[in-house]
Amino acid sequence: MVVTQENVAVNGSRRQSPQEIATALRDRIRNGDLRPGDRLPTQAELAEEFGVERGAVREALRILHAEGLLANVSKGSPPRVAEMAPPREAPQPTMVGLAPRLTEAFSVPHVRVDAACLTAETLMVAVGEPVRLIHEGRIRPKSIDVRILLPSRDITLAFPVPVEGRSEADPVHQRWLTQRNAQGHVLRHNLLSLRSSHGIDVRVTFRALPFTPPVKLYLLNETEALIAYYMIARREELLESGTLDMYDTLGAESLLFPFAKGAGERDTAFVEQSQKWFDALWETITTDLTLS
């Protein structure tokens, strides 16, 4: 770290930065010197211990609180070490794991769901569970805002593709486009119907990606990220016009890995960076998508 005049105490010794104070306290928590439920010393005591102003201590406490290591961070009351987060759920197939996470996300007053995927198939199916609970009166959000990034119809997809190579009239691409549009229409209809049936403020917006996403990403209420790799496999599909031999994704079977804000430093950073990545795509290189 560069030592500036602000980092030098009156006696000439270097003051510790908020990041360094956070590291010292983090080590005490991880080493068991501070256990879940223990109160930290007061800000005045910590400021005296580390030889800094209280503002540096407050910033260090905010860092640890954002990482989920501290609870009850407020003025006038020393924070406590947060209880240990429950064991992280094991990854599940996307079709199995997404619905319960969406149901929990829809249990808050203002729902925000962002998704980047190849088609809206899994999201369309999974959202059926929270919609059902809304119709039953078991959950009642005030607003629902869903933003979805899907590949543009005009790009050359990396997958799905014919095994024998693309032709000018590519039936695999046409099949994908038909599914993309149909699933998007169903998803939007099921959500927008909540406006008239329950008076919920619902917005569903699509934008077009200029590339094929290698993963599917779901961001729930800016506090949770769920990610799954698209696994590619060769398969055949029978159509009236013949057989499609293609390299396609196993999207519904791909394992969904959950990350929660506040479940640790790495989880928190992953959620925050994933949200920034999605927002940047939404606001820059993507374009309006109209489902035909």
C-alpha atoms as a PDB file:
ATOM      1  CA  MET A   1       0.000   0.000   0.000  1.00  0.00           C
ATOM      2  CA  VAL A   2       1.280   3.530  -0.797  1.00  0.00           C
ATOM      3  CA  VAL A   3       1.758   5.599   2.347  1.00  0.00           C
ATOM      4  CA  THR A   4       0.312   9.077   1.936  1.00  0.00           C
ATOM      5  CA  GLN A   5       0.204  11.934   4.417  1.00  0.00           C
ATOM      6  CA  GLU A   6      -3.300  10.904   5.431  1.00  0.00           C
ATOM      7  CA  ASN A   7      -2.003   7.448   6.423  1.00  0.00           C
ATOM      8  CA  VAL A   8       0.595   8.795   8.794  1.00  0.00           C
ATOM      9  CA  ALA A   9      -0.231   9.308  12.465  1.00  0.00           C
ATOM     10  CA  VAL A  10       1.054  12.227  14.535  1.00  0.00           C
ATOM     11  CA  ASN A  11       3.920  10.162  15.940  1.00  0.00           C
ATOM     12  CA  GLY A  12       5.091   9.246  12.451  1.00  0.00           C
ATOM     13  CA  SER A  13       3.810   5.656  12.431  1.00  0.00           C
ATOM     14  CA  ARG A  14       1.585   4.566   9.546  1.00  0.00           C
ATOM     15  CA  ARG A  15      -2.144   4.457  10.173  1.00  0.00           C
ATOM     16  CA  GLN A  16      -4.000   1.350   9.083  1.00  0.00           C
ATOM     17  CA  SER A  17      -6.517   1.655   6.291  1.00  0.00           C
ATOM     18  CA  PRO A  18     -10.156   0.508   6.648  1.00  0.00           C
ATOM     19  CA  GLN A  19      -9.298  -2.491   4.451  1.00  0.00           C
ATOM     20  CA  GLU A  20      -6.465  -3.496   6.772  1.00  0.00           C
ATOM     21  CA  ILE A  21      -8.666  -3.118   9.840  1.00  0.00           C
ATOM     22  CA  ALA A  22     -11.335  -5.252   8.139  1.00  0.00           C
ATOM     23  CA  THR A  23      -8.693  -7.899   7.359  1.00  0.00           C
ATOM     24  CA  ALA A  24      -7.566  -8.022  10.995  1.00  0.00           C
ATOM     25  CA  LEU A  25     -11.137  -8.378  12.285  1.00  0.00           C
ATOM     26  CA  ARG A  26     -11.973 -10.900   9.558  1.00  0.00           C
ATOM     27  CA  ASP A  27      -9.026 -13.037  10.656  1.00  0.00           C
ATOM     28  CA  ARG A  28     -10.267 -12.972  14.270  1.00  0.00           C
ATOM     29  CA  ILE A  29     -13.691 -14.167  13.137  1.00  0.00           C
ATOM     30  CA  ARG A  30     -12.278 -16.952  10.959  1.00  0.00           C
ATOM     31  CA  ASN A  31      -9.800 -18.032  13.632  1.00  0.00           C
ATOM     32  CA  GLY A  32     -12.569 -18.319  16.233  1.00  0.00           C
ATOM     33  CA  ASP A  33     -11.313 -15.463  18.423  1.00  0.00           C
ATOM     34  CA  LEU A  34     -14.670 -13.829  17.688  1.00  0.00           C
ATOM     35  CA  ARG A  35     -17.532 -16.318  17.521  1.00  0.00           C
ATOM     36  CA  PRO A  36     -21.033 -16.042  16.027  1.00  0.00           C
ATOM     37  CA  GLY A  37     -23.159 -13.877  18.316  1.00  0.00           C
ATOM     38  CA  ASP A  38     -20.181 -12.172  20.005  1.00  0.00           C
ATOM     39  CA  ARG A  39     -20.261  -8.400  20.210  1.00  0.00           C
ATOM     40  CA  LEU A  40     -17.339  -6.491  18.796  1.00  0.00           C
ATOM     41  CA  PRO A  41     -15.631  -3.777  20.838  1.00  0.00           C
ATOM     42  CA  THR A  42     -17.091  -0.292  20.485  1.00  0.00           C
ATOM     43  CA  GLN A  43     -15.973   1.938  17.636  1.00  0.00           C
ATOM     44  CA  ALA A  44     -14.046   4.051  20.145  1.00  0.00           C
ATOM     45  CA  GLU A  45     -12.222   0.989  21.454  1.00  0.00           C
ATOM     46  CA  LEU A  46     -11.389  -0.231  17.960  1.00  0.00           C
ATOM     47  CA  ALA A  47     -10.227   3.243  16.927  1.00  0.00           C
ATOM     48  CA  GLU A  48      -7.883   3.335  19.933  1.00  0.00           C
ATOM     49  CA  GLU A  49      -6.618  -0.199  19.284  1.00  0.00           C
ATOM     50  CA  PHE A  50      -5.781   0.458  15.626  1.00  0.00           C
ATOM     51  CA  GLY A  51      -4.722   4.080  16.119  1.00  0.00           C
ATOM     52  CA  VAL A  52      -7.213   5.508  13.630  1.00  0.00           C
ATOM     53  CA  GLU A  53     -10.199   7.828  13.515  1.00  0.00           C
ATOM     54  CA  ARG A  54     -13.666   6.363  14.036  1.00  0.00           C
ATOM     55  CA  GLY A  55     -14.502   6.943  10.361  1.00  0.00           C
ATOM     56  CA  ALA A  56     -11.925   4.325   9.358  1.00  0.00           C
ATOM     57  CA  VAL A  57     -13.452   1.868  11.840  1.00  0.00           C
ATOM     58  CA  ARG A  58     -16.968   2.514  10.511  1.00  0.00           C
ATOM     59  CA  GLU A  59     -15.788   1.856   6.944  1.00  0.00           C
ATOM     60  CA  ALA A  60     -14.115  -1.397   8.040  1.00  0.00           C
ATOM     61  CA  LEU A  61     -17.337  -2.505   9.737  1.00  0.00           C
ATOM     62  CA  ARG A  62     -19.315  -1.708   6.592  1.00  0.00           C
ATOM     63  CA  ILE A  63     -16.945  -3.902   4.567  1.00  0.00           C
ATOM     64  CA  LEU A  64     -17.459  -6.846   6.928  1.00  0.00           C
ATOM     65  CA  HIS A  65     -21.208  -6.286   7.014  1.00  0.00           C
ATOM     66  CA  ALA A  66     -21.359  -6.381   3.191  1.00  0.00           C
ATOM     67  CA  GLU A  67     -19.524  -9.706   3.325  1.00  0.00           C
ATOM     68  CA  GLY A  68     -22.143 -11.109   5.685  1.00  0.00           C
ATOM     69  CA  LEU A  69     -19.721 -11.441   8.610  1.00  0.00           C
ATOM     70  CA  LEU A  70     -21.379  -8.854  10.876  1.00  0.00           C
ATOM     71  CA  ALA A  71     -24.972  -8.220  11.908  1.00  0.00           C
ATOM     72  CA  ASN A  72     -26.694  -5.294  13.630  1.00  0.00           C
ATOM     73  CA  VAL A  73     -24.295  -2.691  12.269  1.00  0.00           C
ATOM     74  CA  SER A  74     -25.829   0.583  13.443  1.00  0.00           C
ATOM     75  CA  LYS A  75     -24.917   3.715  15.322  1.00  0.00           C
ATOM     76  CA  GLY A  76     -24.581   3.467  19.071  1.00  0.00           C
ATOM     77  CA  SER A  77     -24.537  -0.313  19.262  1.00  0.00           C
ATOM     78  CA  PRO A  78     -21.482  -2.510  18.628  1.00  0.00           C
ATOM     79  CA  PRO A  79     -22.259  -5.059  15.903  1.00  0.00           C
ATOM     80  CA  ARG A  80     -22.345  -8.786  16.499  1.00  0.00           C
ATOM     81  CA  VAL A  81     -20.583 -11.490  14.572  1.00  0.00           C
ATOM     82  CA  ALA A  82     -23.179 -12.937  12.212  1.00  0.00           C
ATOM     83  CA  GLU A  83     -24.432 -16.455  12.714  1.00  0.00           C
ATOM     84  CA  MET A  84     -22.850 -18.937  10.367  1.00  0.00           C
ATOM     85  CA  ALA A  85     -24.635 -19.219   7.042  1.00  0.00           C
ATOM     86  CA  PRO A  86     -26.389 -22.556   6.538  1.00  0.00           C
ATOM     87  CA  PRO A  87     -24.572 -25.049   4.321  1.00  0.00           C
ATOM     88  CA  ARG A  88     -24.822 -24.010   0.695  1.00  0.00           C
ATOM     89  CA  GLU A  89     -27.357 -25.962  -1.286  1.00  0.00           C
ATOM     90  CA  ALA A  90     -25.886 -28.567  -3.597  1.00  0.00           C
ATOM     91  CA  PRO A  91     -26.241 -27.732  -7.298  1.00  0.00           C
ATOM     92  CA  GLN A  92     -29.403 -29.142  -8.869  1.00  0.00           C
ATOM     93  CA  PRO A  93     -30.600 -29.491 -12.461  1.00  0.00           C
ATOM     94  CA  THR A  94     -31.887 -26.124 -13.621  1.00  0.00           C
ATOM     95  CA  MET A  95     -35.453 -27.331 -14.098  1.00  0.00           C
ATOM     96  CA  VAL A  96     -35.474 -28.603 -10.510  1.00  0.00           C
ATOM     97  CA  GLY A  97     -33.564 -25.842  -8.751  1.00  0.00           C
ATOM     98  CA  LEU A  98     -34.968 -22.674 -10.305  1.00  0.00           C
ATOM     99  CA  ALA A  99     -38.646 -22.867  -9.271  1.00  0.00           C
ATOM    100  CA  PRO A 100     -38.114 -22.796  -5.466  1.00  0.00           C
ATOM    101  CA  ARG A 101     -35.619 -19.928  -5.789  1.00  0.00           C
ATOM    102  CA  LEU A 102     -38.099 -17.959  -7.891  1.00  0.00           C
ATOM    103  CA  THR A 103     -40.862 -18.666  -5.393  1.00  0.00           C
ATOM    104  CA  GLU A 104     -38.759 -17.184  -2.601  1.00  0.00           C
ATOM    105  CA  ALA A 105     -37.827 -14.221  -4.788  1.00  0.00           C
ATOM    106  CA  PHE A 106     -41.510 -13.524  -5.512  1.00  0.00           C
ATOM    107  CA  SER A 107     -42.261 -13.412  -1.771  1.00  0.00           C
ATOM    108  CA  VAL A 108     -40.938  -9.848  -1.402  1.00  0.00           C
ATOM    109  CA  PRO A 109     -43.022  -6.733  -2.188  1.00  0.00           C
ATOM    110  CA  HIS A 110     -40.944  -5.621  -5.180  1.00  0.00           C
ATOM    111  CA  VAL A 111     -39.671  -8.485  -7.354  1.00  0.00           C
ATOM    112  CA  ARG A 112     -36.760  -8.067  -9.751  1.00  0.00           C
ATOM    113  CA  VAL A 113     -35.663 -10.942 -12.008  1.00  0.00           C
ATOM    114  CA  ASP A 114     -32.944 -10.602 -14.643  1.00  0.00           C
ATOM    115  CA  ALA A 115     -32.086 -13.497 -16.948  1.00  0.00           C
ATOM    116  CA  ALA A 116     -29.592 -14.117 -19.738  1.00  0.00           C
ATOM    117  CA  CYS A 117     -30.217 -17.370 -21.592  1.00  0.00           C
ATOM    118  CA  LEU A 118     -30.541 -19.095 -24.951  1.00  0.00           C
ATOM    119  CA  THR A 119     -34.337 -19.401 -24.710  1.00  0.00           C
ATOM    120  CA  ALA A 120     -36.871 -18.652 -21.981  1.00  0.00           C
ATOM    121  CA  GLU A 121     -37.984 -22.280 -21.664  1.00  0.00           C
ATOM    122  CA  THR A 122     -36.740 -22.990 -18.116  1.00  0.00           C
ATOM    123  CA  LEU A 123     -37.810 -19.587 -16.816  1.00  0.00           C
ATOM    124  CA  MET A 124     -41.230 -19.988 -18.429  1.00  0.00           C
ATOM    125  CA  VAL A 125     -41.784 -23.316 -16.648  1.00  0.00           C
ATOM    126  CA  ALA A 126     -40.281 -22.296 -13.297  1.00  0.00           C
ATOM    127  CA  VAL A 127     -42.258 -19.070 -12.990  1.00  0.00           C
ATOM    128  CA  GLY A 128     -45.445 -21.132 -13.003  1.00  0.00           C
ATOM    129  CA  GLU A 129     -44.994 -21.997  -9.315  1.00  0.00           C
ATOM    130  CA  PRO A 130     -44.885 -18.428  -7.930  1.00  0.00           C
ATOM    131  CA  VAL A 131     -47.705 -17.434 -10.305  1.00  0.00           C
ATOM    132  CA  ARG A 132     -49.795 -20.293  -8.912  1.00  0.00           C
ATOM    133  CA  LEU A 133     -49.103 -19.148  -5.337  1.00  0.00           C
ATOM    134  CA  ILE A 134     -50.125 -15.603  -6.257  1.00  0.00           C
ATOM    135  CA  HIS A 135     -53.446 -16.886  -7.635  1.00  0.00           C
ATOM    136  CA  GLU A 136     -53.938 -18.855  -4.404  1.00  0.00           C
ATOM    137  CA  GLY A 137     -53.318 -15.723  -2.354  1.00  0.00           C
ATOM    138  CA  ARG A 138     -50.299 -17.185  -0.553  1.00  0.00           C
ATOM    139  CA  ILE A 139     -47.887 -14.531  -1.816  1.00  0.00           C
ATOM    140  CA  ARG A 140     -48.728 -11.022  -3.038  1.00  0.00           C
ATOM    141  CA  PRO A 141     -45.949  -8.882  -4.492  1.00  0.00           C
ATOM    142  CA  LYS A 142     -46.750  -5.268  -5.331  1.00  0.00           C
ATOM    143  CA  SER A 143     -44.572  -5.119  -8.426  1.00  0.00           C
ATOM    144  CA  ILE A 144     -42.724  -7.535 -10.716  1.00  0.00           C
ATOM    145  CA  ASP A 145     -39.985  -6.393 -13.075  1.00  0.00           C
ATOM    146  CA  VAL A 146     -38.509  -9.061 -15.374  1.00  0.00           C
ATOM    147  CA  ARG A 147     -35.710  -8.344 -17.856  1.00  0.00           C
ATOM    148  CA  ILE A 148     -34.549 -11.048 -20.251  1.00  0.00           C
ATOM    149  CA  LEU A 149     -31.565 -11.158 -22.590  1.00  0.00           C
ATOM    150  CA  LEU A 150     -31.905 -13.594 -25.505  1.00  0.00           C
ATOM    151  CA  PRO A 151     -29.727 -14.041 -28.605  1.00  0.00           C
ATOM    152  CA  SER A 152     -30.642 -11.931 -31.608  1.00  0.00           C
ATOM    153  CA  ARG A 153     -32.304 -13.729 -34.512  1.00  0.00           C
ATOM    154  CA  ASP A 154     -29.762 -12.153 -36.851  1.00  0.00           C
ATOM    155  CA  ILE A 155     -26.574 -13.671 -35.428  1.00  0.00           C
ATOM    156  CA  THR A 156     -24.919 -16.962 -36.328  1.00  0.00           C
ATOM    157  CA  LEU A 157     -25.502 -19.075 -33.234  1.00  0.00           C
ATOM    158  CA  ALA A 158     -22.665 -21.186 -31.848  1.00  0.00           C
ATOM    159  CA  PHE A 159     -25.368 -23.681 -30.837  1.00  0.00           C
ATOM    160  CA  PRO A 160     -27.718 -25.311 -31.625  1.00  0.00           C
ATOM    161  CA  VAL A 161     -26.238 -26.151 -35.037  1.00  0.00           C
ATOM    162  CA  PRO A 162     -26.646 -28.969 -37.577  1.00  0.00           C
ATOM    163  CA  VAL A 163     -24.045 -31.709 -37.300  1.00  0.00           C
ATOM    164  CA  GLU A 164     -23.444 -31.563 -41.043  1.00  0.00           C
ATOM    165  CA  GLY A 165     -22.984 -27.816 -41.067  1.00  0.00           C
ATOM    166  CA  ARG A 166     -25.266 -24.893 -41.785  1.00  0.00           C
ATOM    167  CA  SER A 167     -27.220 -24.454 -44.980  1.00  0.00           C
ATOM    168  CA  GLU A 168     -28.858 -21.347 -46.375  1.00  0.00           C
ATOM    169  CA  ALA A 169     -32.241 -22.499 -45.071  1.00  0.00           C
ATOM    170  CA  ASP A 170     -31.116 -23.677 -41.660  1.00  0.00           C
ATOM    171  CA  PRO A 171     -33.926 -25.756 -40.052  1.00  0.00           C
ATOM    172  CA  VAL A 172     -32.085 -25.906 -36.694  1.00  0.00           C
ATOM    173  CA  HIS A 173     -31.862 -22.128 -36.481  1.00  0.00           C
ATOM    174  CA  GLN A 174     -35.529 -21.806 -37.481  1.00  0.00           C
ATOM    175  CA  ARG A 175     -36.495 -24.330 -34.810  1.00  0.00           C
ATOM    176  CA  TRP A 176     -34.578 -22.356 -32.163  1.00  0.00           C
ATOM    177  CA  LEU A 177     -36.128 -19.063 -33.284  1.00  0.00           C
ATOM    178  CA  THR A 178     -39.646 -20.497 -33.162  1.00  0.00           C
ATOM    179  CA  GLN A 179     -39.060 -21.825 -29.650  1.00  0.00           C
ATOM    180  CA  ARG A 180     -37.447 -18.576 -28.471  1.00  0.00           C
ATOM    181  CA  ASN A 181     -40.425 -16.529 -29.609  1.00  0.00           C
ATOM    182  CA  ALA A 182     -43.142 -18.929 -28.443  1.00  0.00           C
ATOM    183  CA  GLN A 183     -41.665 -19.400 -24.969  1.00  0.00           C
ATOM    184  CA  GLY A 184     -41.107 -15.661 -24.579  1.00  0.00           C
ATOM    185  CA  HIS A 185     -44.750 -14.971 -25.502  1.00  0.00           C
ATOM    186  CA  VAL A 186     -46.048 -17.516 -22.972  1.00  0.00           C
ATOM    187  CA  LEU A 187     -43.809 -16.184 -20.198  1.00  0.00           C
ATOM    188  CA  ARG A 188     -44.837 -12.601 -20.835  1.00  0.00           C
ATOM    189  CA  HIS A 189     -48.544 -13.484 -21.060  1.00  0.00           C
ATOM    190  CA  ASN A 190     -48.520 -15.446 -17.781  1.00  0.00           C
ATOM    191  CA  LEU A 191     -46.863 -12.588 -15.921  1.00  0.00           C
ATOM    192  CA  LEU A 192     -48.777  -9.708 -17.489  1.00  0.00           C
ATOM    193  CA  SER A 193     -52.080 -11.461 -16.707  1.00  0.00           C
ATOM    194  CA  LEU A 194     -51.344 -10.703 -13.042  1.00  0.00           C
ATOM    195  CA  ARG A 195     -52.043  -7.050 -13.794  1.00  0.00           C
ATOM    196  CA  SER A 196     -55.719  -7.586 -14.471  1.00  0.00           C
ATOM    197  CA  SER A 197     -56.272 -10.500 -12.079  1.00  0.00           C
ATOM    198  CA  HIS A 198     -54.458  -9.101  -9.038  1.00  0.00           C
ATOM    199  CA  GLY A 199     -53.619  -5.469  -9.761  1.00  0.00           C
ATOM    200  CA  ILE A 200     -49.872  -6.129  -9.643  1.00  0.00           C
ATOM    201  CA  ASP A 201     -47.584  -3.712 -11.470  1.00  0.00           C
ATOM    202  CA  VAL A 202     -45.827  -6.048 -13.942  1.00  0.00           C
ATOM    203  CA  ARG A 203     -43.179  -5.263 -16.534  1.00  0.00           C
ATOM    204  CA  VAL A 204     -41.578  -7.848 -18.835  1.00  0.00           C
ATOM    205  CA  THR A 205     -38.880  -6.611 -21.211  1.00  0.00           C
ATOM    206  CA  PHE A 206     -36.689  -8.429 -23.731  1.00  0.00           C
ATOM    207  CA  ARG A 207     -33.441  -7.316 -25.341  1.00  0.00           C
ATOM    208  CA  ALA A 208     -31.337  -9.051 -27.987  1.00  0.00           C
ATOM    209  CA  LEU A 209     -27.784 -10.260 -27.371  1.00  0.00           C
ATOM    210  CA  PRO A 210     -25.277 -10.036 -30.224  1.00  0.00           C
ATOM    211  CA  PHE A 211     -23.678 -13.346 -29.188  1.00  0.00           C
ATOM    212  CA  THR A 212     -24.548 -16.873 -28.018  1.00  0.00           C
ATOM    213  CA  PRO A 213     -24.450 -17.014 -24.194  1.00  0.00           C
ATOM    214  CA  PRO A 214     -22.243 -19.926 -22.997  1.00  0.00           C
ATOM    215  CA  VAL A 215     -24.110 -20.001 -19.682  1.00  0.00           C
ATOM    216  CA  LYS A 216     -27.562 -19.238 -18.372  1.00  0.00           C
ATOM    217  CA  LEU A 217     -27.675 -16.651 -15.597  1.00  0.00           C
ATOM    218  CA  TYR A 218     -30.552 -15.705 -13.308  1.00  0.00           C
ATOM    219  CA  LEU A 219     -30.334 -12.711 -10.932  1.00  0.00           C
ATOM    220  CA  LEU A 220     -33.016 -12.525  -8.250  1.00  0.00           C
ATOM    221  CA  ASN A 221     -33.766  -9.261  -6.437  1.00  0.00           C
ATOM    222  CA  GLU A 222     -30.116  -8.227  -6.835  1.00  0.00           C
ATOM    223  CA  THR A 223     -29.277 -10.532  -3.907  1.00  0.00           C
ATOM    224  CA  GLU A 224     -28.868 -13.938  -5.533  1.00  0.00           C
ATOM    225  CA  ALA A 225     -27.193 -15.243  -8.682  1.00  0.00           C
ATOM    226  CA  LEU A 226     -27.865 -18.652 -10.216  1.00  0.00           C
ATOM    227  CA  ILE A 227     -25.616 -19.835 -13.032  1.00  0.00           C
ATOM    228  CA  ALA A 228     -25.495 -22.991 -15.164  1.00  0.00           C
ATOM    229  CA  TYR A 229     -23.206 -23.976 -18.014  1.00  0.00           C
ATOM    230  CA  TYR A 230     -24.829 -24.940 -21.283  1.00  0.00           C
ATOM    231  CA  MET A 231     -23.760 -28.543 -21.870  1.00  0.00           C
ATOM    232  CA  ILE A 232     -23.603 -29.434 -25.560  1.00  0.00           C
ATOM    233  CA  ALA A 233     -24.550 -32.891 -26.857  1.00  0.00           C
ATOM    234  CA  ARG A 234     -25.417 -34.458 -30.162  1.00  0.00           C
ATOM    235  CA  ARG A 235     -29.063 -35.435 -30.527  1.00  0.00           C
ATOM    236  CA  GLU A 236     -31.750 -36.085 -33.101  1.00  0.00           C
ATOM    237  CA  GLU A 237     -35.254 -34.690 -33.323  1.00  0.00           C
ATOM    238  CA  LEU A 238     -37.965 -36.125 -35.514  1.00  0.00           C
ATOM    239  CA  LEU A 239     -39.988 -33.639 -37.545  1.00  0.00           C
ATOM    240  CA  GLU A 240     -42.664 -34.106 -40.197  1.00  0.00           C
ATOM    241  CA  SER A 241     -40.134 -32.975 -42.775  1.00  0.00           C
ATOM    242  CA  GLY A 242     -37.430 -35.361 -41.584  1.00  0.00           C
ATOM    243  CA  THR A 243     -34.840 -35.794 -38.858  1.00  0.00           C
ATOM    244  CA  LEU A 244     -32.761 -32.977 -37.416  1.00  0.00           C
ATOM    245  CA  ASP A 245     -29.286 -34.171 -36.432  1.00  0.00           C
ATOM    246  CA  MET A 246     -27.760 -31.393 -34.347  1.00  0.00           C
ATOM    247  CA  TYR A 247     -25.481 -30.305 -31.559  1.00  0.00           C
ATOM    248  CA  ASP A 248     -27.882 -28.886 -28.989  1.00  0.00           C
ATOM    249  CA  THR A 249     -27.858 -27.829 -25.354  1.00  0.00           C
ATOM    250  CA  LEU A 250     -29.021 -29.790 -22.323  1.00  0.00           C
ATOM    251  CA  GLY A 251     -30.203 -26.583 -20.692  1.00  0.00           C
ATOM    252  CA  ALA A 252     -32.840 -27.989 -18.347  1.00  0.00           C
ATOM    253  CA  GLU A 253     -30.421 -30.648 -17.102  1.00  0.00           C
ATOM    254  CA  SER A 254     -27.441 -28.338 -16.560  1.00  0.00           C
ATOM    255  CA  LEU A 255     -26.489 -27.950 -12.893  1.00  0.00           C
ATOM    256  CA  LEU A 256     -27.530 -24.632 -11.377  1.00  0.00           C
ATOM    257  CA  PHE A 257     -24.966 -23.130  -8.994  1.00  0.00           C
ATOM    258  CA  PRO A 258     -26.350 -20.662  -6.409  1.00  0.00           C
ATOM    259  CA  PHE A 259     -24.536 -17.628  -4.999  1.00  0.00           C
ATOM    260  CA  ALA A 260     -26.115 -15.410  -2.324  1.00  0.00           C
ATOM    261  CA  LYS A 261     -25.181 -11.902  -1.306  1.00  0.00           C
ATOM    262  CA  GLY A 262     -24.098 -11.968   2.324  1.00  0.00           C
ATOM    263  CA  ALA A 263     -23.099 -15.648   2.253  1.00  0.00           C
ATOM    264  CA  GLY A 264     -19.419 -14.767   2.264  1.00  0.00           C
ATOM    265  CA  GLU A 265     -16.990 -12.479   0.503  1.00  0.00           C
ATOM    266  CA  ARG A 266     -16.757 -14.476  -2.723  1.00  0.00           C
ATOM    267  CA  ASP A 267     -20.516 -15.058  -3.010  1.00  0.00           C
ATOM    268  CA  THR A 268     -21.210 -11.362  -2.437  1.00  0.00           C
ATOM    269  CA  ALA A 269     -18.627 -10.325  -5.028  1.00  0.00           C
ATOM    270  CA  PHE A 270     -20.001 -12.837  -7.573  1.00  0.00           C
ATOM    271  CA  VAL A 271     -23.569 -11.542  -7.192  1.00  0.00           C
ATOM    272  CA  GLU A 272     -22.485  -7.906  -7.445  1.00  0.00           C
ATOM    273  CA  GLN A 273     -20.243  -8.473 -10.471  1.00  0.00           C
ATOM    274  CA  SER A 274     -22.889 -10.593 -12.215  1.00  0.00           C
ATOM    275  CA  GLN A 275     -25.437  -7.814 -11.755  1.00  0.00           C
ATOM    276  CA  LYS A 276     -23.000  -5.221 -13.087  1.00  0.00           C
ATOM    277  CA  TRP A 277     -22.261  -7.459 -16.090  1.00  0.00           C
ATOM    278  CA  PHE A 278     -25.964  -7.875 -16.865  1.00  0.00           C
ATOM    279  CA  ASP A 279     -26.722  -4.152 -16.434  1.00  0.00           C
ATOM    280  CA  ALA A 280     -23.810  -3.218 -18.697  1.00  0.00           C
ATOM    281  CA  LEU A 281     -25.060  -5.530 -21.456  1.00  0.00           C
ATOM    282  CA  TRP A 282     -28.608  -4.251 -21.059  1.00  0.00           C
ATOM    283  CA  GLU A 283     -27.547  -0.616 -21.373  1.00  0.00           C
ATOM    284  CA  THR A 284     -24.905  -0.887 -24.121  1.00  0.00           C
ATOM    285  CA  ILE A 285     -24.513  -3.513 -26.857  1.00  0.00           C
ATOM    286  CA  THR A 286     -27.950  -5.175 -26.723  1.00  0.00           C
ATOM    287  CA  THR A 287     -30.897  -4.013 -28.813  1.00  0.00           C
ATOM    288  CA  ASP A 288     -34.685  -3.984 -28.530  1.00  0.00           C
ATOM    289  CA  LEU A 289     -36.159  -7.430 -29.139  1.00  0.00           C
ATOM    290  CA  THR A 290     -39.642  -7.850 -30.554  1.00  0.00           C
ATOM    291  CA  LEU A 291     -40.995 -11.397 -30.400  1.00  0.00           C
ATOM    292  CA  SER A 292     -42.526 -12.284 -33.766  1.00  0.00           C
END
